[in-house]
N, C-alpha and C. Protein backbone atom coordinates (compact mmCIF):
# COMPACT_ATOMS: atom_id res chain seq x y z
N MET A 1 -62.80 156.35 -80.77
CA MET A 1 -62.00 157.95 -80.73
C MET A 1 -60.96 157.94 -80.54
N GLU A 2 -60.31 156.98 -79.58
CA GLU A 2 -59.02 156.91 -79.19
C GLU A 2 -58.27 156.11 -80.03
N ALA A 3 -58.76 154.97 -80.91
CA ALA A 3 -58.10 154.23 -81.64
C ALA A 3 -58.06 155.10 -82.98
N VAL A 4 -59.01 155.75 -83.51
CA VAL A 4 -58.43 156.74 -84.43
C VAL A 4 -57.47 157.61 -83.99
N ARG A 5 -57.93 158.35 -83.10
CA ARG A 5 -56.44 159.33 -82.57
C ARG A 5 -55.08 158.63 -82.74
N ARG A 6 -54.97 157.38 -82.00
CA ARG A 6 -53.58 156.69 -82.23
C ARG A 6 -53.43 156.28 -83.62
N LEU A 7 -54.34 155.97 -84.30
CA LEU A 7 -53.97 155.71 -85.79
C LEU A 7 -53.29 156.79 -86.61
N VAL A 8 -54.12 158.01 -86.48
CA VAL A 8 -53.89 159.38 -86.94
C VAL A 8 -51.99 159.65 -86.63
N GLN A 9 -52.10 159.56 -85.14
CA GLN A 9 -50.70 159.89 -84.52
C GLN A 9 -49.37 158.81 -85.32
N VAL A 10 -49.82 157.49 -85.59
CA VAL A 10 -48.91 156.50 -86.08
C VAL A 10 -48.65 156.95 -87.49
N GLN A 11 -49.84 157.46 -88.43
CA GLN A 11 -49.37 157.57 -89.75
C GLN A 11 -48.72 159.05 -89.61
N GLN A 12 -48.87 159.79 -89.08
CA GLN A 12 -47.82 161.25 -89.03
C GLN A 12 -46.56 160.56 -88.59
N GLU A 13 -46.15 159.85 -87.82
CA GLU A 13 -44.79 159.69 -87.41
C GLU A 13 -44.18 158.72 -87.89
N LYS A 14 -44.84 157.92 -88.96
CA LYS A 14 -44.33 156.76 -89.60
C LYS A 14 -43.30 157.47 -90.77
N PRO A 15 -43.76 158.47 -91.35
CA PRO A 15 -42.43 158.88 -92.30
C PRO A 15 -41.41 159.41 -91.74
N ALA A 16 -41.28 160.10 -90.55
CA ALA A 16 -40.28 160.54 -90.02
C ALA A 16 -39.35 159.55 -89.66
N LEU A 17 -40.19 158.23 -88.96
CA LEU A 17 -39.40 157.06 -88.46
C LEU A 17 -38.91 156.42 -89.59
N GLN A 18 -39.19 156.32 -90.71
CA GLN A 18 -38.79 155.55 -91.75
C GLN A 18 -37.38 156.45 -92.56
N GLN A 19 -37.52 157.89 -92.15
CA GLN A 19 -36.51 158.67 -92.73
C GLN A 19 -35.26 158.22 -91.84
N LEU A 20 -35.44 158.16 -90.56
CA LEU A 20 -34.41 157.81 -89.63
C LEU A 20 -34.01 156.62 -89.84
N MET A 21 -34.44 155.42 -90.21
CA MET A 21 -34.31 154.28 -90.39
C MET A 21 -33.23 154.37 -91.61
N ARG A 22 -33.68 154.88 -92.79
CA ARG A 22 -32.83 155.19 -93.80
C ARG A 22 -31.52 155.63 -93.64
N THR A 23 -31.41 156.87 -92.56
CA THR A 23 -30.10 156.93 -92.57
C THR A 23 -29.48 156.45 -91.18
N GLY A 24 -29.84 155.43 -90.84
CA GLY A 24 -29.15 154.72 -89.70
C GLY A 24 -29.51 155.30 -88.52
N SER A 25 -30.08 156.27 -88.04
CA SER A 25 -30.34 156.82 -86.69
C SER A 25 -30.96 155.96 -85.81
N VAL A 26 -31.58 155.11 -86.08
CA VAL A 26 -32.56 154.25 -85.12
C VAL A 26 -32.35 152.71 -85.94
N GLY A 27 -32.46 151.95 -84.71
CA GLY A 27 -32.38 150.68 -85.10
C GLY A 27 -33.73 149.95 -85.41
N ASP A 28 -33.10 148.57 -86.14
CA ASP A 28 -34.20 147.61 -86.71
C ASP A 28 -35.40 147.53 -85.52
N ASP A 29 -34.91 147.31 -84.20
CA ASP A 29 -35.66 147.03 -83.08
C ASP A 29 -36.93 147.97 -82.76
N LEU A 30 -36.36 149.40 -83.04
CA LEU A 30 -37.35 150.25 -82.74
C LEU A 30 -38.60 150.19 -83.99
N TRP A 31 -38.05 150.23 -85.26
CA TRP A 31 -39.27 149.79 -86.45
C TRP A 31 -39.82 148.63 -86.08
N ARG A 32 -39.49 147.75 -85.54
CA ARG A 32 -40.39 146.38 -85.30
C ARG A 32 -41.30 146.97 -84.31
N ASP A 33 -40.68 147.45 -83.26
CA ASP A 33 -41.93 147.88 -82.33
C ASP A 33 -43.14 148.68 -82.75
N PHE A 34 -42.27 149.69 -83.64
CA PHE A 34 -43.60 150.50 -84.12
C PHE A 34 -44.36 149.84 -85.17
N SER A 35 -43.71 148.84 -85.93
CA SER A 35 -44.91 147.93 -86.76
C SER A 35 -45.70 147.15 -86.10
N VAL A 36 -45.38 146.67 -85.00
CA VAL A 36 -46.13 145.86 -83.90
C VAL A 36 -47.17 146.72 -83.57
N ALA A 37 -46.84 147.91 -83.42
CA ALA A 37 -47.90 148.96 -82.66
C ALA A 37 -49.15 149.32 -83.60
N GLU A 38 -48.29 149.47 -84.95
CA GLU A 38 -49.23 149.87 -85.66
C GLU A 38 -50.24 148.65 -86.13
N GLN A 39 -49.67 147.69 -86.08
CA GLN A 39 -50.69 146.31 -86.22
C GLN A 39 -51.97 146.20 -85.20
N GLU A 40 -51.47 146.36 -84.26
CA GLU A 40 -52.38 146.30 -82.89
C GLU A 40 -53.42 147.24 -83.21
N ILE A 41 -52.81 148.35 -83.56
CA ILE A 41 -54.10 149.63 -83.50
C ILE A 41 -54.90 149.12 -84.93
N MET A 42 -54.30 148.84 -86.20
CA MET A 42 -55.27 148.24 -87.09
C MET A 42 -56.25 147.04 -86.58
N HIS A 43 -55.80 146.48 -85.94
CA HIS A 43 -56.46 145.09 -85.38
C HIS A 43 -57.54 145.73 -84.54
N GLU A 44 -57.27 146.81 -83.81
CA GLU A 44 -58.20 147.21 -82.74
C GLU A 44 -59.38 147.80 -83.62
N LEU A 45 -59.08 148.73 -84.68
CA LEU A 45 -59.63 149.22 -85.31
C LEU A 45 -61.09 148.28 -86.11
N GLN A 46 -60.42 147.14 -86.47
CA GLN A 46 -60.84 146.24 -87.09
C GLN A 46 -61.93 145.51 -86.28
N GLU A 47 -61.89 145.15 -84.88
CA GLU A 47 -62.41 144.58 -83.82
C GLU A 47 -63.71 145.88 -83.72
N THR A 48 -63.19 147.01 -83.60
CA THR A 48 -64.37 148.23 -83.43
C THR A 48 -65.57 147.94 -84.38
N ALA A 49 -64.96 148.01 -85.51
CA ALA A 49 -65.62 147.83 -86.82
C ALA A 49 -66.59 146.82 -86.84
N ASN A 50 -66.33 145.69 -86.61
CA ASN A 50 -66.99 144.21 -86.44
C ASN A 50 -68.09 144.49 -85.06
N GLU A 51 -67.80 144.99 -83.96
CA GLU A 51 -68.45 145.19 -82.93
C GLU A 51 -69.62 145.81 -83.67
N ALA A 52 -69.34 147.36 -84.13
CA ALA A 52 -70.26 148.16 -84.69
C ALA A 52 -71.47 147.65 -85.52
N ASN A 53 -71.00 146.80 -86.34
CA ASN A 53 -71.51 145.92 -87.21
C ASN A 53 -72.61 145.07 -86.56
N THR A 54 -72.34 144.30 -85.22
CA THR A 54 -73.40 143.86 -84.85
C THR A 54 -74.32 144.65 -84.32
N TYR A 55 -74.37 145.77 -83.75
CA TYR A 55 -75.31 146.60 -83.47
C TYR A 55 -76.44 147.12 -84.74
N LYS A 56 -75.45 147.39 -85.50
CA LYS A 56 -76.27 148.02 -86.85
C LYS A 56 -75.55 147.63 -88.41
N GLU A 57 -76.06 147.03 -88.97
CA GLU A 57 -75.33 146.68 -90.33
C GLU A 57 -74.71 147.84 -90.92
N GLY A 58 -73.62 147.73 -91.46
CA GLY A 58 -73.04 148.94 -92.02
C GLY A 58 -72.43 150.01 -91.13
N TRP A 59 -72.64 150.02 -89.83
CA TRP A 59 -72.10 150.93 -88.90
C TRP A 59 -70.82 151.24 -88.98
N GLY A 60 -70.12 149.86 -89.08
CA GLY A 60 -68.56 149.61 -89.06
C GLY A 60 -68.15 150.54 -89.84
N GLN A 61 -68.85 150.96 -91.11
CA GLN A 61 -68.05 151.99 -92.08
C GLN A 61 -68.03 153.43 -91.71
N SER A 62 -69.20 153.62 -90.85
CA SER A 62 -69.69 155.05 -90.75
C SER A 62 -68.81 155.41 -89.44
N ILE A 63 -68.75 154.63 -88.30
CA ILE A 63 -68.20 154.94 -87.09
C ILE A 63 -66.86 155.47 -86.73
N PHE A 64 -65.97 155.32 -87.92
CA PHE A 64 -64.67 155.99 -87.85
C PHE A 64 -64.85 157.31 -88.57
N SER A 65 -65.76 157.55 -89.55
CA SER A 65 -65.79 159.10 -89.89
C SER A 65 -66.24 159.91 -88.93
N SER A 66 -67.51 159.35 -88.02
CA SER A 66 -67.78 159.79 -87.03
C SER A 66 -66.82 160.13 -86.13
N ALA A 67 -65.98 159.54 -85.54
CA ALA A 67 -64.87 159.60 -84.65
C ALA A 67 -64.19 160.56 -85.34
N ALA A 68 -63.73 160.51 -86.17
CA ALA A 68 -62.95 161.47 -86.81
C ALA A 68 -63.43 162.71 -86.85
N GLN A 69 -64.86 163.08 -86.86
CA GLN A 69 -65.34 164.22 -86.73
C GLN A 69 -65.37 164.68 -85.40
N MET A 70 -65.55 163.76 -84.67
CA MET A 70 -65.74 164.23 -83.11
C MET A 70 -64.23 164.64 -82.51
N LEU A 71 -63.03 163.97 -83.32
CA LEU A 71 -61.93 164.37 -82.52
C LEU A 71 -61.80 165.60 -83.16
N GLU A 72 -62.08 166.17 -84.50
CA GLU A 72 -61.86 167.45 -85.15
C GLU A 72 -62.57 168.47 -84.06
N HIS A 73 -63.73 168.12 -83.98
CA HIS A 73 -64.36 168.82 -83.08
C HIS A 73 -63.71 169.29 -81.97
N GLU A 74 -63.29 168.13 -81.34
CA GLU A 74 -62.52 168.31 -80.13
C GLU A 74 -61.25 169.22 -80.08
N LYS A 75 -60.61 169.09 -80.99
CA LYS A 75 -59.58 169.82 -81.43
C LYS A 75 -59.75 171.14 -81.43
N GLN A 76 -60.69 171.76 -82.41
CA GLN A 76 -61.15 173.11 -82.57
C GLN A 76 -61.71 173.67 -81.19
N LYS A 77 -62.09 172.77 -79.90
CA LYS A 77 -62.48 173.49 -78.90
C LYS A 77 -61.42 173.58 -78.02
N GLN A 78 -60.39 172.77 -78.01
CA GLN A 78 -59.27 172.86 -77.42
C GLN A 78 -58.36 174.20 -77.99
N MET A 79 -58.41 174.27 -79.39
CA MET A 79 -57.95 175.59 -80.02
C MET A 79 -58.49 176.81 -79.47
N GLN A 80 -60.04 176.91 -79.45
CA GLN A 80 -60.50 178.03 -78.79
C GLN A 80 -60.31 178.37 -77.43
N VAL A 81 -60.09 177.13 -76.70
CA VAL A 81 -59.79 177.57 -75.32
C VAL A 81 -58.21 177.91 -75.25
N GLU A 82 -57.41 177.29 -75.78
CA GLU A 82 -55.88 177.99 -76.23
C GLU A 82 -56.00 179.47 -76.39
N MET A 83 -56.82 179.53 -77.21
CA MET A 83 -56.60 180.98 -77.81
C MET A 83 -57.09 182.01 -77.08
N LYS A 84 -58.31 181.47 -76.27
CA LYS A 84 -58.67 182.58 -75.25
C LYS A 84 -58.13 182.38 -73.90
N THR A 85 -57.22 181.54 -73.79
CA THR A 85 -56.07 181.74 -72.56
C THR A 85 -54.68 182.67 -73.26
N LEU A 86 -54.52 182.67 -74.22
CA LEU A 86 -53.24 183.51 -75.22
C LEU A 86 -54.13 184.55 -74.97
N ARG A 87 -55.29 185.01 -75.27
CA ARG A 87 -55.55 186.31 -75.47
C ARG A 87 -55.79 186.92 -74.11
N GLU A 88 -56.40 186.33 -73.19
CA GLU A 88 -56.20 186.69 -71.77
C GLU A 88 -54.92 186.99 -70.99
N ASN A 89 -54.02 186.17 -71.37
CA ASN A 89 -52.65 186.38 -70.85
C ASN A 89 -51.82 187.67 -71.55
N GLU A 90 -52.43 187.61 -72.84
CA GLU A 90 -52.00 189.12 -73.87
C GLU A 90 -52.17 190.15 -72.92
N MET A 91 -53.56 190.45 -72.34
CA MET A 91 -54.51 191.31 -72.00
C MET A 91 -53.67 191.66 -70.76
N LYS A 92 -53.52 190.55 -69.92
CA LYS A 92 -52.73 190.71 -68.65
C LYS A 92 -51.53 191.22 -68.77
N ARG A 93 -50.59 190.48 -69.72
CA ARG A 93 -49.43 191.54 -70.01
C ARG A 93 -49.62 192.82 -70.37
N GLN A 94 -50.37 192.99 -71.20
CA GLN A 94 -50.60 194.46 -71.68
C GLN A 94 -50.62 195.45 -70.53
N GLN A 95 -51.66 194.85 -69.58
CA GLN A 95 -52.15 195.85 -68.56
C GLN A 95 -50.84 195.80 -67.30
N VAL A 96 -50.09 194.92 -67.29
CA VAL A 96 -48.94 194.96 -66.47
C VAL A 96 -47.97 196.07 -67.01
N GLN A 97 -47.82 195.84 -68.19
CA GLN A 97 -46.91 196.75 -68.83
C GLN A 97 -47.22 198.25 -68.78
N GLU A 98 -48.55 198.47 -68.97
CA GLU A 98 -49.35 199.77 -68.93
C GLU A 98 -49.00 200.33 -67.56
N GLN A 99 -49.33 199.41 -66.52
CA GLN A 99 -49.17 199.97 -64.93
C GLN A 99 -47.64 200.37 -64.77
N ARG A 100 -46.59 199.32 -65.40
CA ARG A 100 -45.29 199.93 -65.12
C ARG A 100 -44.75 201.00 -65.90
N GLU A 101 -45.18 201.17 -67.12
CA GLU A 101 -45.06 202.46 -67.70
C GLU A 101 -45.57 203.65 -66.88
N GLU A 102 -46.73 203.57 -66.33
CA GLU A 102 -47.33 204.55 -65.62
C GLU A 102 -46.66 204.80 -64.40
N ARG A 103 -46.34 203.73 -63.69
CA ARG A 103 -45.26 203.76 -62.29
C ARG A 103 -44.02 204.74 -63.00
N GLU A 104 -43.52 204.46 -63.91
CA GLU A 104 -42.28 204.95 -64.46
C GLU A 104 -42.45 206.26 -64.57
N ALA A 105 -43.70 206.48 -65.55
CA ALA A 105 -43.88 208.01 -65.84
C ALA A 105 -44.11 208.91 -64.48
N LEU A 106 -44.89 208.49 -63.44
CA LEU A 106 -44.89 209.07 -62.26
C LEU A 106 -43.52 209.40 -61.64
N ALA A 107 -42.60 208.33 -61.37
CA ALA A 107 -41.44 208.17 -60.74
C ALA A 107 -40.74 209.61 -61.58
N THR A 108 -40.73 209.25 -62.70
CA THR A 108 -39.83 210.40 -63.56
C THR A 108 -40.45 211.86 -63.31
N GLU A 109 -41.71 211.76 -63.03
CA GLU A 109 -42.45 213.09 -62.97
C GLU A 109 -42.05 213.67 -61.68
N GLU A 110 -42.06 212.73 -60.65
CA GLU A 110 -41.78 212.95 -59.10
C GLU A 110 -40.24 213.36 -59.05
N ARG A 111 -39.42 212.58 -59.54
CA ARG A 111 -38.11 213.15 -59.70
C ARG A 111 -37.81 214.24 -60.40
N GLU A 112 -38.42 214.68 -61.55
CA GLU A 112 -38.44 216.05 -62.00
C GLU A 112 -39.01 217.19 -60.83
N LYS A 113 -39.79 216.89 -60.32
CA LYS A 113 -40.26 218.04 -59.39
C LYS A 113 -39.38 218.08 -58.12
N GLU A 114 -38.66 216.94 -57.93
CA GLU A 114 -37.78 216.81 -56.83
C GLU A 114 -36.32 217.99 -57.25
N ARG A 115 -36.25 217.45 -58.76
CA ARG A 115 -35.27 218.49 -59.07
C ARG A 115 -35.46 220.12 -59.02
N ARG A 116 -36.59 220.18 -59.53
CA ARG A 116 -36.88 221.83 -59.82
C ARG A 116 -37.21 222.50 -58.27
N ALA A 117 -37.68 221.74 -57.22
CA ALA A 117 -37.49 221.83 -56.03
C ALA A 117 -36.13 222.53 -55.25
N LYS A 118 -35.07 221.45 -55.64
CA LYS A 118 -33.71 221.92 -55.39
C LYS A 118 -33.09 222.88 -56.05
N GLU A 119 -33.70 223.20 -57.33
CA GLU A 119 -33.01 224.31 -58.17
C GLU A 119 -33.72 225.37 -57.35
N ALA A 120 -35.03 225.56 -57.24
CA ALA A 120 -35.86 226.65 -56.66
C ALA A 120 -34.86 226.93 -55.24
N LYS A 121 -34.69 225.90 -54.39
CA LYS A 121 -34.07 226.20 -53.10
C LYS A 121 -32.67 226.74 -53.33
N LYS A 122 -31.87 226.23 -54.50
CA LYS A 122 -30.50 226.78 -54.46
C LYS A 122 -30.68 228.31 -55.07
N ALA A 123 -31.69 228.57 -56.06
CA ALA A 123 -31.74 229.90 -56.45
C ALA A 123 -32.21 230.64 -55.05
N GLU A 124 -33.36 230.16 -54.24
CA GLU A 124 -33.70 231.25 -53.33
C GLU A 124 -32.14 231.42 -52.22
N GLU A 125 -31.54 230.45 -52.12
CA GLU A 125 -30.33 230.66 -51.34
C GLU A 125 -29.36 231.54 -52.02
N ALA A 126 -29.51 231.54 -53.20
CA ALA A 126 -28.25 232.56 -53.86
C ALA A 126 -28.69 233.99 -53.80
N LEU A 127 -30.33 234.29 -53.89
CA LEU A 127 -30.80 235.22 -53.67
C LEU A 127 -30.63 235.93 -52.57
N LEU A 128 -30.81 234.90 -51.50
CA LEU A 128 -30.59 235.25 -50.02
C LEU A 128 -29.31 235.91 -49.72
N ARG A 129 -28.24 235.27 -50.35
CA ARG A 129 -26.71 235.21 -50.05
C ARG A 129 -26.32 236.93 -50.75
N MET A 130 -27.14 237.02 -51.87
CA MET A 130 -26.98 238.04 -52.69
C MET A 130 -27.54 239.57 -51.95
N GLU A 131 -28.63 239.48 -51.43
CA GLU A 131 -29.48 240.09 -50.38
C GLU A 131 -28.56 240.69 -49.15
N GLU A 132 -27.90 239.86 -48.47
CA GLU A 132 -26.85 239.68 -47.44
C GLU A 132 -25.67 240.66 -47.93
N GLU A 133 -25.34 240.27 -48.84
CA GLU A 133 -24.07 240.94 -49.18
C GLU A 133 -24.49 242.34 -49.68
N GLU A 134 -25.55 242.62 -50.32
CA GLU A 134 -25.81 243.80 -50.70
C GLU A 134 -26.14 244.75 -49.42
N LYS A 135 -26.67 244.19 -48.23
CA LYS A 135 -26.88 244.76 -47.07
C LYS A 135 -25.78 245.12 -46.47
N LYS A 136 -24.59 244.29 -46.28
CA LYS A 136 -23.45 244.43 -45.93
C LYS A 136 -22.46 245.54 -46.64
N LYS A 137 -22.72 245.61 -48.03
CA LYS A 137 -22.29 246.65 -48.83
C LYS A 137 -22.76 247.94 -48.30
N ALA A 138 -24.31 248.12 -48.25
CA ALA A 138 -24.79 248.98 -47.69
C ALA A 138 -24.65 249.69 -46.51
N ALA A 139 -24.43 248.72 -45.71
CA ALA A 139 -24.00 248.91 -44.21
C ALA A 139 -22.38 249.54 -44.28
N ALA A 140 -21.64 248.99 -44.97
CA ALA A 140 -20.26 249.72 -44.96
C ALA A 140 -20.10 250.58 -45.73
N SER A 141 -21.07 251.18 -46.66
CA SER A 141 -20.96 252.36 -47.28
C SER A 141 -21.34 253.18 -46.18
N LYS A 142 -22.67 253.01 -45.36
CA LYS A 142 -23.01 254.02 -44.59
C LYS A 142 -21.87 254.24 -43.43
N GLY A 143 -21.11 253.43 -43.15
CA GLY A 143 -20.04 253.47 -41.97
C GLY A 143 -19.24 254.57 -42.57
N LYS A 144 -18.56 254.63 -43.85
CA LYS A 144 -17.86 255.09 -44.42
C LYS A 144 -18.32 256.50 -44.49
N GLY A 145 -19.53 256.82 -44.66
CA GLY A 145 -20.37 257.87 -44.67
C GLY A 145 -20.13 258.80 -43.66
N LYS A 146 -20.31 258.21 -42.46
CA LYS A 146 -20.48 258.93 -41.03
C LYS A 146 -19.11 259.22 -40.53
N LYS A 147 -17.82 258.70 -40.92
CA LYS A 147 -16.64 259.07 -40.71
C LYS A 147 -16.11 259.98 -41.10
């Protein structure tokens, strides 16, 4: 499976490296190292096929398709795990956002209550001042009436 994984990776990277070679972005040494690595992987795959054929005739042909299927299965399982993790992270993020919005709403409500309480206190104080002024006026008018 690992040899098949490496072969797939080499095959995927080869066109990009060829393009970089054509544009002169990478040197010949890198291309030679890449070619040597590719040949080593092909040699390993050939040895694996030969060894598989010693266990059962013709198995060398089917072992790589089985390995590829197993790799694809692992890849799908990994994607499922990643999707589950992403989904859980998104749910946590939504919960945090909802809690933040809830706290902000409560804070806004509390500020509004405080503002109303201050306004009520100011209105009450104004009303008391008005009552005191009326009492003073009434007392002053009584005082004038006695004289």
